[in-house]
Amino acid sequence: MSYMKKLISVVLSFIMTAMFFSGCNSKSNREITVYTAVEDNLIEEYIQGFNKVNSDIKVNIVRGSTGDITSKLLAEKDKPVADVVWGLAATSLIVLDETELLKPCKVEGLKNINPKFIDTKNKEPHWIGLSLWTNAITANLEEMKNKGVEIPKSYKELLKPEYKNQISMPNPASSGTGFMFVSCLIQSLGEKEAWSYLDKINESMRVYEHSGMGPIKSTEMGEQFIGLGMGGESLLEEKKHKQIKTFFPKEGLAWDIDGLGIINKENVNDDAEKFVNYILSDEAMEIEAKSRNRIVTLKNPITIEGYPKNVVDMLFKNDLNWASNNKSKIIEEWNKRYSVNKK
């Protein structure tokens, strides 16, 4: 697909999503615009909850992948359109904050959040973490059984020759899930060993997909044996589609935090704080935990079925500020090595 066709596709996606979700409360004079990377099928549950207590506020949603939303906000930084950015990886929120796109979040709901998962760089936090997400291996048991192939349960096993052209993962240039995997590998293994591993697994890669859900969906459909995608989302799909199974690699898990922030603009919308406070409420955090299968950042966390009991101990080293500061360099190296190979 040409660059122009890709660009048109992304723009149309933004337009269609915005049109779909802005239909509520069309008669209201009060409205906010929210940019988000939260999955399409889950957004409406949050908006309905918000509108139960804020029925006079119309919410215009613009939805895209982490990379698309970040790029759109940066492109609009001189004349911001969004009032709130929601459900974006912390590494991207840090990038936005460095360009002064985020303002201090002086919201009531902050008191419920574990201080480990909020912005610590600024005296008053400019972004707030909502949920912890990890990577996982999604395996199509049906396809693998038919071909007599064993199920991999570690990163090392993914390098076996029987998985050649049978693996999919998200492209880190467009996907927060893809980037966190590469970044955590580099931080945990060191640059030389991490890129050596990625060179090897590239030989078995069928495709690099646009989002963290892509590898799960395509594995579910039998397009390849294995998808490296989002752990919680894979567990959710596993409940609906018995042909797939989720595995958490024994060497460790890449992770990031999804968060939100208020856009710093000349005329800050007062209703932006209302939306942020709702997303930090117990009701919305329950949706975050159960519907998105995420480990939420509340001081009193909610137990999530399917994750290993020692999931926190399995997390790779991940300095979010380092990851954010080195993101451009990592993606540039990634593109140099792999972008012409699999699309």
C-alpha atoms as a PDB file:
ATOM      1  CA  MET A   1       0.000   0.000   0.000  1.00  0.00           C
ATOM      2  CA  SER A   2       1.399   3.404  -0.940  1.00  0.00           C
ATOM      3  CA  TYR A   3       2.101   6.088   1.682  1.00  0.00           C
ATOM      4  CA  MET A   4      -0.760   8.224   0.344  1.00  0.00           C
ATOM      5  CA  LYS A   5      -3.229   5.335   0.527  1.00  0.00           C
ATOM      6  CA  LYS A   6      -2.139   4.616   4.102  1.00  0.00           C
ATOM      7  CA  LEU A   7      -2.568   8.281   5.020  1.00  0.00           C
ATOM      8  CA  ILE A   8      -6.046   8.410   3.480  1.00  0.00           C
ATOM      9  CA  SER A   9      -6.977   5.196   5.313  1.00  0.00           C
ATOM     10  CA  VAL A  10      -5.884   6.622   8.678  1.00  0.00           C
ATOM     11  CA  VAL A  11      -7.731   9.914   8.084  1.00  0.00           C
ATOM     12  CA  LEU A  12     -10.934   8.100   7.076  1.00  0.00           C
ATOM     13  CA  SER A  13     -10.631   5.907  10.180  1.00  0.00           C
ATOM     14  CA  PHE A  14     -10.443   9.005  12.397  1.00  0.00           C
ATOM     15  CA  ILE A  15     -13.440  10.589  10.635  1.00  0.00           C
ATOM     16  CA  MET A  16     -15.642   7.493  10.796  1.00  0.00           C
ATOM     17  CA  THR A  17     -14.860   6.867  14.477  1.00  0.00           C
ATOM     18  CA  ALA A  18     -15.507  10.492  15.380  1.00  0.00           C
ATOM     19  CA  MET A  19     -18.819  10.478  13.485  1.00  0.00           C
ATOM     20  CA  PHE A  20     -19.932   7.256  15.200  1.00  0.00           C
ATOM     21  CA  PHE A  21     -19.288   8.350  18.768  1.00  0.00           C
ATOM     22  CA  SER A  22     -20.365  11.991  18.543  1.00  0.00           C
ATOM     23  CA  GLY A  23     -23.996  11.094  17.944  1.00  0.00           C
ATOM     24  CA  CYS A  24     -24.981  11.211  21.638  1.00  0.00           C
ATOM     25  CA  ASN A  25     -26.389  14.389  23.160  1.00  0.00           C
ATOM     26  CA  SER A  26     -26.402  16.150  19.792  1.00  0.00           C
ATOM     27  CA  LYS A  27     -28.665  18.933  21.185  1.00  0.00           C
ATOM     28  CA  SER A  28     -26.219  19.906  23.948  1.00  0.00           C
ATOM     29  CA  ASN A  29     -24.214  23.121  23.704  1.00  0.00           C
ATOM     30  CA  ARG A  30     -21.507  21.668  25.971  1.00  0.00           C
ATOM     31  CA  GLU A  31     -19.054  19.270  24.388  1.00  0.00           C
ATOM     32  CA  ILE A  32     -15.541  17.908  24.690  1.00  0.00           C
ATOM     33  CA  THR A  33     -13.276  16.243  22.158  1.00  0.00           C
ATOM     34  CA  VAL A  34     -11.372  13.185  23.340  1.00  0.00           C
ATOM     35  CA  TYR A  35      -8.565  11.498  21.413  1.00  0.00           C
ATOM     36  CA  THR A  36      -8.114   7.862  22.401  1.00  0.00           C
ATOM     37  CA  ALA A  37      -6.406   4.577  21.589  1.00  0.00           C
ATOM     38  CA  VAL A  38      -8.974   2.549  23.566  1.00  0.00           C
ATOM     39  CA  GLU A  39     -10.421  -0.278  21.461  1.00  0.00           C
ATOM     40  CA  ASP A  40     -13.442   0.661  19.316  1.00  0.00           C
ATOM     41  CA  ASN A  41     -15.768  -1.944  20.792  1.00  0.00           C
ATOM     42  CA  LEU A  42     -15.194  -0.772  24.391  1.00  0.00           C
ATOM     43  CA  ILE A  43     -15.447   3.009  24.086  1.00  0.00           C
ATOM     44  CA  GLU A  44     -19.240   3.240  24.192  1.00  0.00           C
ATOM     45  CA  GLU A  45     -19.426   1.574  27.634  1.00  0.00           C
ATOM     46  CA  TYR A  46     -17.327   4.383  29.125  1.00  0.00           C
ATOM     47  CA  ILE A  47     -19.234   7.127  27.295  1.00  0.00           C
ATOM     48  CA  GLN A  48     -22.583   5.785  28.482  1.00  0.00           C
ATOM     49  CA  GLY A  49     -21.279   5.732  32.058  1.00  0.00           C
ATOM     50  CA  PHE A  50     -20.007   9.304  31.763  1.00  0.00           C
ATOM     51  CA  ASN A  51     -23.289  10.517  30.267  1.00  0.00           C
ATOM     52  CA  LYS A  52     -25.309   8.976  33.103  1.00  0.00           C
ATOM     53  CA  VAL A  53     -23.909  11.677  35.391  1.00  0.00           C
ATOM     54  CA  ASN A  54     -23.099  14.283  32.723  1.00  0.00           C
ATOM     55  CA  SER A  55     -26.038  14.013  30.361  1.00  0.00           C
ATOM     56  CA  ASP A  56     -25.614  17.592  29.139  1.00  0.00           C
ATOM     57  CA  ILE A  57     -22.058  17.073  27.841  1.00  0.00           C
ATOM     58  CA  LYS A  58     -21.553  15.732  24.329  1.00  0.00           C
ATOM     59  CA  VAL A  59     -18.388  13.639  23.904  1.00  0.00           C
ATOM     60  CA  ASN A  60     -16.709  13.658  20.493  1.00  0.00           C
ATOM     61  CA  ILE A  61     -14.378  10.671  20.201  1.00  0.00           C
ATOM     62  CA  VAL A  62     -11.479  10.436  17.759  1.00  0.00           C
ATOM     63  CA  ARG A  63      -9.993   6.948  17.873  1.00  0.00           C
ATOM     64  CA  GLY A  64      -6.728   5.614  16.438  1.00  0.00           C
ATOM     65  CA  SER A  65      -3.684   3.527  17.289  1.00  0.00           C
ATOM     66  CA  THR A  66      -1.163   4.865  19.803  1.00  0.00           C
ATOM     67  CA  GLY A  67       1.148   5.991  17.004  1.00  0.00           C
ATOM     68  CA  ASP A  68      -1.631   7.656  15.005  1.00  0.00           C
ATOM     69  CA  ILE A  69      -3.053   9.546  17.988  1.00  0.00           C
ATOM     70  CA  THR A  70       0.389  10.718  19.096  1.00  0.00           C
ATOM     71  CA  SER A  71       1.246  11.918  15.579  1.00  0.00           C
ATOM     72  CA  LYS A  72      -2.102  13.691  15.221  1.00  0.00           C
ATOM     73  CA  LEU A  73      -1.697  15.544  18.520  1.00  0.00           C
ATOM     74  CA  LEU A  74       1.857  16.596  17.649  1.00  0.00           C
ATOM     75  CA  ALA A  75       0.733  17.790  14.209  1.00  0.00           C
ATOM     76  CA  GLU A  76      -1.997  19.916  15.836  1.00  0.00           C
ATOM     77  CA  LYS A  77       0.101  21.215  18.735  1.00  0.00           C
ATOM     78  CA  ASP A  78      -0.031  24.863  17.620  1.00  0.00           C
ATOM     79  CA  LYS A  79      -3.840  24.708  17.401  1.00  0.00           C
ATOM     80  CA  PRO A  80      -4.980  21.752  19.535  1.00  0.00           C
ATOM     81  CA  VAL A  81      -8.375  20.261  18.727  1.00  0.00           C
ATOM     82  CA  ALA A  82      -8.540  17.670  21.523  1.00  0.00           C
ATOM     83  CA  ASP A  83      -9.466  18.524  25.112  1.00  0.00           C
ATOM     84  CA  VAL A  84      -8.415  15.178  26.592  1.00  0.00           C
ATOM     85  CA  VAL A  85      -6.109  12.374  25.502  1.00  0.00           C
ATOM     86  CA  TRP A  86      -7.208   9.042  26.968  1.00  0.00           C
ATOM     87  CA  GLY A  87      -5.924   5.473  26.867  1.00  0.00           C
ATOM     88  CA  LEU A  88      -2.509   6.355  25.439  1.00  0.00           C
ATOM     89  CA  ALA A  89       0.745   4.639  26.420  1.00  0.00           C
ATOM     90  CA  ALA A  90       2.721   6.548  29.053  1.00  0.00           C
ATOM     91  CA  THR A  91       5.746   6.638  26.744  1.00  0.00           C
ATOM     92  CA  SER A  92       3.648   8.624  24.261  1.00  0.00           C
ATOM     93  CA  LEU A  93       2.195  10.852  26.983  1.00  0.00           C
ATOM     94  CA  ILE A  94       5.760  11.733  28.010  1.00  0.00           C
ATOM     95  CA  VAL A  95       6.502  12.739  24.398  1.00  0.00           C
ATOM     96  CA  LEU A  96       3.409  14.959  24.382  1.00  0.00           C
ATOM     97  CA  ASP A  97       4.376  16.515  27.697  1.00  0.00           C
ATOM     98  CA  GLU A  98       7.865  17.350  26.442  1.00  0.00           C
ATOM     99  CA  THR A  99       6.249  19.464  23.728  1.00  0.00           C
ATOM    100  CA  GLU A 100       4.104  21.193  26.395  1.00  0.00           C
ATOM    101  CA  LEU A 101       0.885  19.630  25.120  1.00  0.00           C
ATOM    102  CA  LEU A 102      -0.274  18.503  28.579  1.00  0.00           C
ATOM    103  CA  LYS A 103      -1.323  20.668  31.521  1.00  0.00           C
ATOM    104  CA  PRO A 104      -1.271  19.804  35.250  1.00  0.00           C
ATOM    105  CA  CYS A 105      -4.041  17.359  36.214  1.00  0.00           C
ATOM    106  CA  LYS A 106      -5.525  18.927  39.355  1.00  0.00           C
ATOM    107  CA  VAL A 107      -8.399  16.461  39.635  1.00  0.00           C
ATOM    108  CA  GLU A 108     -10.202  14.913  42.582  1.00  0.00           C
ATOM    109  CA  GLY A 109      -9.831  11.354  41.258  1.00  0.00           C
ATOM    110  CA  LEU A 110      -6.042  11.475  41.568  1.00  0.00           C
ATOM    111  CA  LYS A 111      -6.288  10.573  45.267  1.00  0.00           C
ATOM    112  CA  ASN A 112      -7.394   7.011  44.333  1.00  0.00           C
ATOM    113  CA  ILE A 113      -4.335   6.279  42.160  1.00  0.00           C
ATOM    114  CA  ASN A 114      -1.150   4.514  43.252  1.00  0.00           C
ATOM    115  CA  PRO A 115       1.547   7.239  43.076  1.00  0.00           C
ATOM    116  CA  LYS A 116       3.917   4.769  41.376  1.00  0.00           C
ATOM    117  CA  PHE A 117       1.832   5.095  38.213  1.00  0.00           C
ATOM    118  CA  ILE A 118       1.593   8.840  37.725  1.00  0.00           C
ATOM    119  CA  ASP A 119       3.888  11.431  36.188  1.00  0.00           C
ATOM    120  CA  THR A 120       6.760  12.060  38.626  1.00  0.00           C
ATOM    121  CA  LYS A 121       8.785  14.394  36.428  1.00  0.00           C
ATOM    122  CA  ASN A 122       6.578  17.406  37.156  1.00  0.00           C
ATOM    123  CA  LYS A 123       5.697  18.814  40.585  1.00  0.00           C
ATOM    124  CA  GLU A 124       2.014  18.394  39.727  1.00  0.00           C
ATOM    125  CA  PRO A 125       1.367  15.379  37.466  1.00  0.00           C
ATOM    126  CA  HIS A 126       0.676  16.133  33.801  1.00  0.00           C
ATOM    127  CA  TRP A 127      -0.501  12.585  33.106  1.00  0.00           C
ATOM    128  CA  ILE A 128      -2.107   9.853  35.203  1.00  0.00           C
ATOM    129  CA  GLY A 129      -1.693   6.114  34.693  1.00  0.00           C
ATOM    130  CA  LEU A 130      -4.891   4.087  34.371  1.00  0.00           C
ATOM    131  CA  SER A 131      -3.854   0.506  33.803  1.00  0.00           C
ATOM    132  CA  LEU A 132      -0.864  -1.717  33.352  1.00  0.00           C
ATOM    133  CA  TRP A 133      -0.743  -3.850  30.212  1.00  0.00           C
ATOM    134  CA  THR A 134       1.682  -6.538  29.164  1.00  0.00           C
ATOM    135  CA  ASN A 135       2.505  -8.540  26.086  1.00  0.00           C
ATOM    136  CA  ALA A 136       1.709 -12.232  25.659  1.00  0.00           C
ATOM    137  CA  ILE A 137       1.864 -15.068  23.145  1.00  0.00           C
ATOM    138  CA  THR A 138      -1.444 -15.913  21.446  1.00  0.00           C
ATOM    139  CA  ALA A 139      -1.345 -19.403  19.923  1.00  0.00           C
ATOM    140  CA  ASN A 140      -3.872 -21.008  17.567  1.00  0.00           C
ATOM    141  CA  LEU A 141      -4.082 -24.500  19.085  1.00  0.00           C
ATOM    142  CA  GLU A 142      -6.265 -25.841  16.277  1.00  0.00           C
ATOM    143  CA  GLU A 143      -3.891 -24.876  13.472  1.00  0.00           C
ATOM    144  CA  MET A 144      -0.831 -26.031  15.381  1.00  0.00           C
ATOM    145  CA  LYS A 145      -2.367 -29.391  16.246  1.00  0.00           C
ATOM    146  CA  ASN A 146      -3.343 -29.960  12.604  1.00  0.00           C
ATOM    147  CA  LYS A 147       0.250 -29.288  11.529  1.00  0.00           C
ATOM    148  CA  GLY A 148       1.801 -31.257  14.397  1.00  0.00           C
ATOM    149  CA  VAL A 149       3.607 -28.224  15.795  1.00  0.00           C
ATOM    150  CA  GLU A 150       4.358 -27.750  19.501  1.00  0.00           C
ATOM    151  CA  ILE A 151       3.110 -24.678  21.354  1.00  0.00           C
ATOM    152  CA  PRO A 152       5.850 -22.162  22.281  1.00  0.00           C
ATOM    153  CA  LYS A 153       5.891 -20.875  25.840  1.00  0.00           C
ATOM    154  CA  SER A 154       9.017 -18.737  25.722  1.00  0.00           C
ATOM    155  CA  TYR A 155      10.704 -16.169  23.494  1.00  0.00           C
ATOM    156  CA  LYS A 156      13.548 -18.591  22.848  1.00  0.00           C
ATOM    157  CA  GLU A 157      11.164 -21.249  21.530  1.00  0.00           C
ATOM    158  CA  LEU A 158       9.748 -18.760  19.004  1.00  0.00           C
ATOM    159  CA  LEU A 159      13.035 -19.017  17.091  1.00  0.00           C
ATOM    160  CA  LYS A 160      12.431 -22.676  16.165  1.00  0.00           C
ATOM    161  CA  PRO A 161      12.349 -23.306  12.385  1.00  0.00           C
ATOM    162  CA  GLU A 162       8.792 -24.713  12.462  1.00  0.00           C
ATOM    163  CA  TYR A 163       7.485 -21.201  13.149  1.00  0.00           C
ATOM    164  CA  LYS A 164       8.953 -19.657   9.991  1.00  0.00           C
ATOM    165  CA  ASN A 165       6.330 -17.332   8.418  1.00  0.00           C
ATOM    166  CA  GLN A 166       3.985 -18.279  11.270  1.00  0.00           C
ATOM    167  CA  ILE A 167       4.428 -15.308  13.635  1.00  0.00           C
ATOM    168  CA  SER A 168       2.856 -11.854  13.686  1.00  0.00           C
ATOM    169  CA  MET A 169       3.630  -8.892  15.945  1.00  0.00           C
ATOM    170  CA  PRO A 170       2.722  -5.182  16.041  1.00  0.00           C
ATOM    171  CA  ASN A 171       4.926  -2.677  14.259  1.00  0.00           C
ATOM    172  CA  PRO A 172       6.549  -0.459  16.938  1.00  0.00           C
ATOM    173  CA  ALA A 173       6.365   2.543  14.609  1.00  0.00           C
ATOM    174  CA  SER A 174       2.545   2.549  14.865  1.00  0.00           C
ATOM    175  CA  SER A 175       1.741   0.412  17.912  1.00  0.00           C
ATOM    176  CA  GLY A 176       2.419   1.059  21.594  1.00  0.00           C
ATOM    177  CA  THR A 177       2.394  -2.703  22.178  1.00  0.00           C
ATOM    178  CA  GLY A 178       5.029  -3.231  19.508  1.00  0.00           C
ATOM    179  CA  PHE A 179       7.211  -0.438  20.846  1.00  0.00           C
ATOM    180  CA  MET A 180       7.057  -1.567  24.473  1.00  0.00           C
ATOM    181  CA  PHE A 181       8.158  -5.083  23.429  1.00  0.00           C
ATOM    182  CA  VAL A 182      11.228  -3.794  21.591  1.00  0.00           C
ATOM    183  CA  SER A 183      12.038  -1.194  24.264  1.00  0.00           C
ATOM    184  CA  CYS A 184      11.760  -3.672  27.147  1.00  0.00           C
ATOM    185  CA  LEU A 185      13.933  -6.196  25.302  1.00  0.00           C
ATOM    186  CA  ILE A 186      16.642  -3.572  24.823  1.00  0.00           C
ATOM    187  CA  GLN A 187      16.482  -2.463  28.465  1.00  0.00           C
ATOM    188  CA  SER A 188      16.518  -6.039  29.778  1.00  0.00           C
ATOM    189  CA  LEU A 189      18.991  -7.712  27.391  1.00  0.00           C
ATOM    190  CA  GLY A 190      21.111  -4.792  26.231  1.00  0.00           C
ATOM    191  CA  GLU A 191      21.108  -3.386  22.694  1.00  0.00           C
ATOM    192  CA  LYS A 192      23.370  -5.966  21.057  1.00  0.00           C
ATOM    193  CA  GLU A 193      21.542  -9.038  22.367  1.00  0.00           C
ATOM    194  CA  ALA A 194      18.070  -7.517  21.870  1.00  0.00           C
ATOM    195  CA  TRP A 195      18.647  -6.562  18.209  1.00  0.00           C
ATOM    196  CA  SER A 196      20.254  -9.961  17.609  1.00  0.00           C
ATOM    197  CA  TYR A 197      17.066 -11.632  18.897  1.00  0.00           C
ATOM    198  CA  LEU A 198      14.850  -9.358  16.805  1.00  0.00           C
ATOM    199  CA  ASP A 199      16.951 -10.119  13.703  1.00  0.00           C
ATOM    200  CA  LYS A 200      16.356 -13.825  14.269  1.00  0.00           C
ATOM    201  CA  ILE A 201      12.623 -13.609  14.935  1.00  0.00           C
ATOM    202  CA  ASN A 202      12.249 -11.353  11.890  1.00  0.00           C
ATOM    203  CA  GLU A 203      13.131 -14.394   9.767  1.00  0.00           C
ATOM    204  CA  SER A 204       9.985 -16.123  11.072  1.00  0.00           C
ATOM    205  CA  MET A 205       7.699 -13.095  10.900  1.00  0.00           C
ATOM    206  CA  ARG A 206       4.743 -13.318   8.505  1.00  0.00           C
ATOM    207  CA  VAL A 207       3.721  -9.708   9.006  1.00  0.00           C
ATOM    208  CA  TYR A 208       4.148  -6.664  11.243  1.00  0.00           C
ATOM    209  CA  GLU A 209       0.672  -5.359  12.043  1.00  0.00           C
ATOM    210  CA  HIS A 210      -0.645  -1.860  12.709  1.00  0.00           C
ATOM    211  CA  SER A 211      -1.956  -2.388  16.253  1.00  0.00           C
ATOM    212  CA  GLY A 212      -1.567  -4.580  19.333  1.00  0.00           C
ATOM    213  CA  MET A 213      -4.891  -6.304  18.613  1.00  0.00           C
ATOM    214  CA  GLY A 214      -3.910  -7.191  15.038  1.00  0.00           C
ATOM    215  CA  PRO A 215      -1.766 -10.254  15.843  1.00  0.00           C
ATOM    216  CA  ILE A 216      -4.430 -11.627  18.185  1.00  0.00           C
ATOM    217  CA  LYS A 217      -7.214 -11.305  15.608  1.00  0.00           C
ATOM    218  CA  SER A 218      -5.184 -12.712  12.714  1.00  0.00           C
ATOM    219  CA  THR A 219      -3.979 -15.640  14.862  1.00  0.00           C
ATOM    220  CA  GLU A 220      -7.563 -16.304  15.890  1.00  0.00           C
ATOM    221  CA  MET A 221      -8.524 -16.396  12.180  1.00  0.00           C
ATOM    222  CA  GLY A 222      -5.747 -18.894  11.418  1.00  0.00           C
ATOM    223  CA  GLU A 223      -3.574 -16.561   9.344  1.00  0.00           C
ATOM    224  CA  GLN A 224      -0.548 -17.728  11.359  1.00  0.00           C
ATOM    225  CA  PHE A 225       0.159 -19.973  14.346  1.00  0.00           C
ATOM    226  CA  ILE A 226       1.340 -17.272  16.740  1.00  0.00           C
ATOM    227  CA  GLY A 227       0.647 -13.632  17.549  1.00  0.00           C
ATOM    228  CA  LEU A 228       2.703 -11.443  19.871  1.00  0.00           C
ATOM    229  CA  GLY A 229       0.181  -8.952  21.161  1.00  0.00           C
ATOM    230  CA  MET A 230      -1.616  -7.601  24.211  1.00  0.00           C
ATOM    231  CA  GLY A 231      -1.983  -9.975  27.174  1.00  0.00           C
ATOM    232  CA  GLY A 232      -5.324  -8.862  28.588  1.00  0.00           C
ATOM    233  CA  GLU A 233      -6.967  -8.583  25.179  1.00  0.00           C
ATOM    234  CA  SER A 234      -5.699 -12.043  24.237  1.00  0.00           C
ATOM    235  CA  LEU A 235      -7.286 -13.483  27.393  1.00  0.00           C
ATOM    236  CA  LEU A 236     -10.596 -11.828  26.475  1.00  0.00           C
ATOM    237  CA  GLU A 237     -10.501 -13.244  22.940  1.00  0.00           C
ATOM    238  CA  GLU A 238      -9.612 -16.668  24.329  1.00  0.00           C
ATOM    239  CA  LYS A 239     -12.930 -16.734  26.206  1.00  0.00           C
ATOM    240  CA  LYS A 240     -14.814 -16.159  22.940  1.00  0.00           C
ATOM    241  CA  HIS A 241     -12.683 -18.272  20.607  1.00  0.00           C
ATOM    242  CA  LYS A 242     -11.616 -21.644  21.982  1.00  0.00           C
ATOM    243  CA  GLN A 243      -9.093 -22.273  19.202  1.00  0.00           C
ATOM    244  CA  ILE A 244      -6.656 -19.804  20.765  1.00  0.00           C
ATOM    245  CA  LYS A 245      -4.717 -19.891  24.028  1.00  0.00           C
ATOM    246  CA  THR A 246      -2.755 -17.168  25.827  1.00  0.00           C
ATOM    247  CA  PHE A 247       0.727 -17.773  27.216  1.00  0.00           C
ATOM    248  CA  PHE A 248       2.894 -15.428  29.260  1.00  0.00           C
ATOM    249  CA  PRO A 249       6.562 -16.049  28.320  1.00  0.00           C
ATOM    250  CA  LYS A 250       8.613 -17.337  31.231  1.00  0.00           C
ATOM    251  CA  GLU A 251      11.573 -15.013  30.531  1.00  0.00           C
ATOM    252  CA  GLY A 252       9.465 -11.968  31.422  1.00  0.00           C
ATOM    253  CA  LEU A 253       6.834  -9.546  30.176  1.00  0.00           C
ATOM    254  CA  ALA A 254       7.094  -6.266  28.341  1.00  0.00           C
ATOM    255  CA  TRP A 255       4.775  -3.672  29.843  1.00  0.00           C
ATOM    256  CA  ASP A 256       3.587  -0.109  29.705  1.00  0.00           C
ATOM    257  CA  ILE A 257       0.935   2.010  31.358  1.00  0.00           C
ATOM    258  CA  ASP A 258      -2.090   3.428  29.607  1.00  0.00           C
ATOM    259  CA  GLY A 259      -2.943   6.852  30.918  1.00  0.00           C
ATOM    260  CA  LEU A 260      -4.701  10.109  30.240  1.00  0.00           C
ATOM    261  CA  GLY A 261      -4.076  13.833  30.364  1.00  0.00           C
ATOM    262  CA  ILE A 262      -5.710  17.197  29.729  1.00  0.00           C
ATOM    263  CA  ILE A 263      -4.536  19.051  26.640  1.00  0.00           C
ATOM    264  CA  ASN A 264      -2.788  22.360  27.280  1.00  0.00           C
ATOM    265  CA  LYS A 265      -4.485  24.928  25.057  1.00  0.00           C
ATOM    266  CA  GLU A 266      -5.431  28.592  25.097  1.00  0.00           C
ATOM    267  CA  ASN A 267      -9.020  27.933  26.138  1.00  0.00           C
ATOM    268  CA  VAL A 268      -9.026  24.827  28.311  1.00  0.00           C
ATOM    269  CA  ASN A 269     -12.449  23.191  28.407  1.00  0.00           C
ATOM    270  CA  ASP A 270     -13.661  23.012  32.034  1.00  0.00           C
ATOM    271  CA  ASP A 271     -15.597  19.833  31.234  1.00  0.00           C
ATOM    272  CA  ALA A 272     -12.327  18.040  30.455  1.00  0.00           C
ATOM    273  CA  GLU A 273     -11.779  17.620  34.217  1.00  0.00           C
ATOM    274  CA  LYS A 274     -15.228  16.053  34.564  1.00  0.00           C
ATOM    275  CA  PHE A 275     -14.297  13.442  31.958  1.00  0.00           C
ATOM    276  CA  VAL A 276     -10.933  12.741  33.621  1.00  0.00           C
ATOM    277  CA  ASN A 277     -12.576  12.371  37.041  1.00  0.00           C
ATOM    278  CA  TYR A 278     -15.082   9.902  35.598  1.00  0.00           C
ATOM    279  CA  ILE A 279     -12.329   7.798  33.993  1.00  0.00           C
ATOM    280  CA  LEU A 280     -10.573   7.702  37.401  1.00  0.00           C
ATOM    281  CA  SER A 281     -13.776   6.712  39.226  1.00  0.00           C
ATOM    282  CA  ASP A 282     -14.373   3.248  40.679  1.00  0.00           C
ATOM    283  CA  GLU A 283     -17.062   2.608  38.051  1.00  0.00           C
ATOM    284  CA  ALA A 284     -14.792   3.366  35.091  1.00  0.00           C
ATOM    285  CA  MET A 285     -11.849   1.537  36.663  1.00  0.00           C
ATOM    286  CA  GLU A 286     -14.090  -1.519  36.978  1.00  0.00           C
ATOM    287  CA  ILE A 287     -14.705  -1.297  33.212  1.00  0.00           C
ATOM    288  CA  GLU A 288     -10.958  -0.873  32.660  1.00  0.00           C
ATOM    289  CA  ALA A 289     -10.223  -3.989  34.707  1.00  0.00           C
ATOM    290  CA  LYS A 290     -13.023  -6.261  33.521  1.00  0.00           C
ATOM    291  CA  SER A 291     -13.754  -5.167  29.943  1.00  0.00           C
ATOM    292  CA  ARG A 292     -10.151  -4.408  28.942  1.00  0.00           C
ATOM    293  CA  ASN A 293      -8.655  -7.088  31.224  1.00  0.00           C
ATOM    294  CA  ARG A 294      -6.089  -4.648  32.575  1.00  0.00           C
ATOM    295  CA  ILE A 295      -4.254  -4.366  35.890  1.00  0.00           C
ATOM    296  CA  VAL A 296      -5.611  -1.021  37.083  1.00  0.00           C
ATOM    297  CA  THR A 297      -3.549   1.560  38.974  1.00  0.00           C
ATOM    298  CA  LEU A 298      -5.911   2.009  41.925  1.00  0.00           C
ATOM    299  CA  LYS A 299      -4.381   1.939  45.399  1.00  0.00           C
ATOM    300  CA  ASN A 300      -6.636  -1.079  45.967  1.00  0.00           C
ATOM    301  CA  PRO A 301      -6.198  -3.046  42.693  1.00  0.00           C
ATOM    302  CA  ILE A 302      -8.789  -5.378  41.163  1.00  0.00           C
ATOM    303  CA  THR A 303      -7.823  -9.037  40.631  1.00  0.00           C
ATOM    304  CA  ILE A 304      -7.797 -10.086  36.959  1.00  0.00           C
ATOM    305  CA  GLU A 305      -8.509 -13.698  35.989  1.00  0.00           C
ATOM    306  CA  GLY A 306      -5.979 -15.308  33.665  1.00  0.00           C
ATOM    307  CA  TYR A 307      -2.874 -13.352  34.585  1.00  0.00           C
ATOM    308  CA  PRO A 308      -0.083 -15.203  36.435  1.00  0.00           C
ATOM    309  CA  LYS A 309      -0.298 -14.670  40.190  1.00  0.00           C
ATOM    310  CA  ASN A 310       3.259 -13.332  40.164  1.00  0.00           C
ATOM    311  CA  VAL A 311       2.687 -11.062  37.157  1.00  0.00           C
ATOM    312  CA  VAL A 312       4.355  -8.052  38.806  1.00  0.00           C
ATOM    313  CA  ASP A 313       7.494 -10.126  39.459  1.00  0.00           C
ATOM    314  CA  MET A 314       7.556 -11.150  35.774  1.00  0.00           C
ATOM    315  CA  LEU A 315       7.752  -7.597  34.442  1.00  0.00           C
ATOM    316  CA  PHE A 316      10.810  -6.654  32.403  1.00  0.00           C
ATOM    317  CA  LYS A 317      12.878  -3.648  33.396  1.00  0.00           C
ATOM    318  CA  ASN A 318      11.166  -0.577  31.936  1.00  0.00           C
ATOM    319  CA  ASP A 319      12.249   2.997  32.572  1.00  0.00           C
ATOM    320  CA  LEU A 320       9.393   4.876  30.895  1.00  0.00           C
ATOM    321  CA  ASN A 321      11.309   8.144  30.629  1.00  0.00           C
ATOM    322  CA  TRP A 322      14.250   6.328  29.002  1.00  0.00           C
ATOM    323  CA  ALA A 323      11.850   4.583  26.625  1.00  0.00           C
ATOM    324  CA  SER A 324      10.222   7.866  25.677  1.00  0.00           C
ATOM    325  CA  ASN A 325      13.535   9.695  25.203  1.00  0.00           C
ATOM    326  CA  ASN A 326      14.904   6.895  23.004  1.00  0.00           C
ATOM    327  CA  LYS A 327      11.714   6.146  21.062  1.00  0.00           C
ATOM    328  CA  SER A 328      12.710   7.943  17.853  1.00  0.00           C
ATOM    329  CA  LYS A 329      16.129   6.289  17.850  1.00  0.00           C
ATOM    330  CA  ILE A 330      14.638   2.815  18.419  1.00  0.00           C
ATOM    331  CA  ILE A 331      12.004   3.211  15.700  1.00  0.00           C
ATOM    332  CA  GLU A 332      14.591   4.577  13.270  1.00  0.00           C
ATOM    333  CA  GLU A 333      16.764   1.509  13.865  1.00  0.00           C
ATOM    334  CA  TRP A 334      13.721  -0.756  13.548  1.00  0.00           C
ATOM    335  CA  ASN A 335      12.706   0.773  10.221  1.00  0.00           C
ATOM    336  CA  LYS A 336      16.256   0.498   8.916  1.00  0.00           C
ATOM    337  CA  ARG A 337      16.351  -3.217   9.717  1.00  0.00           C
ATOM    338  CA  TYR A 338      12.823  -4.461   9.054  1.00  0.00           C
ATOM    339  CA  SER A 339      10.395  -2.003   7.445  1.00  0.00           C
ATOM    340  CA  VAL A 340      11.088  -3.208   3.893  1.00  0.00           C
ATOM    341  CA  ASN A 341      10.788  -6.869   4.871  1.00  0.00           C
ATOM    342  CA  LYS A 342       7.279  -7.407   6.189  1.00  0.00           C
ATOM    343  CA  LYS A 343       4.255  -5.079   5.877  1.00  0.00           C
END
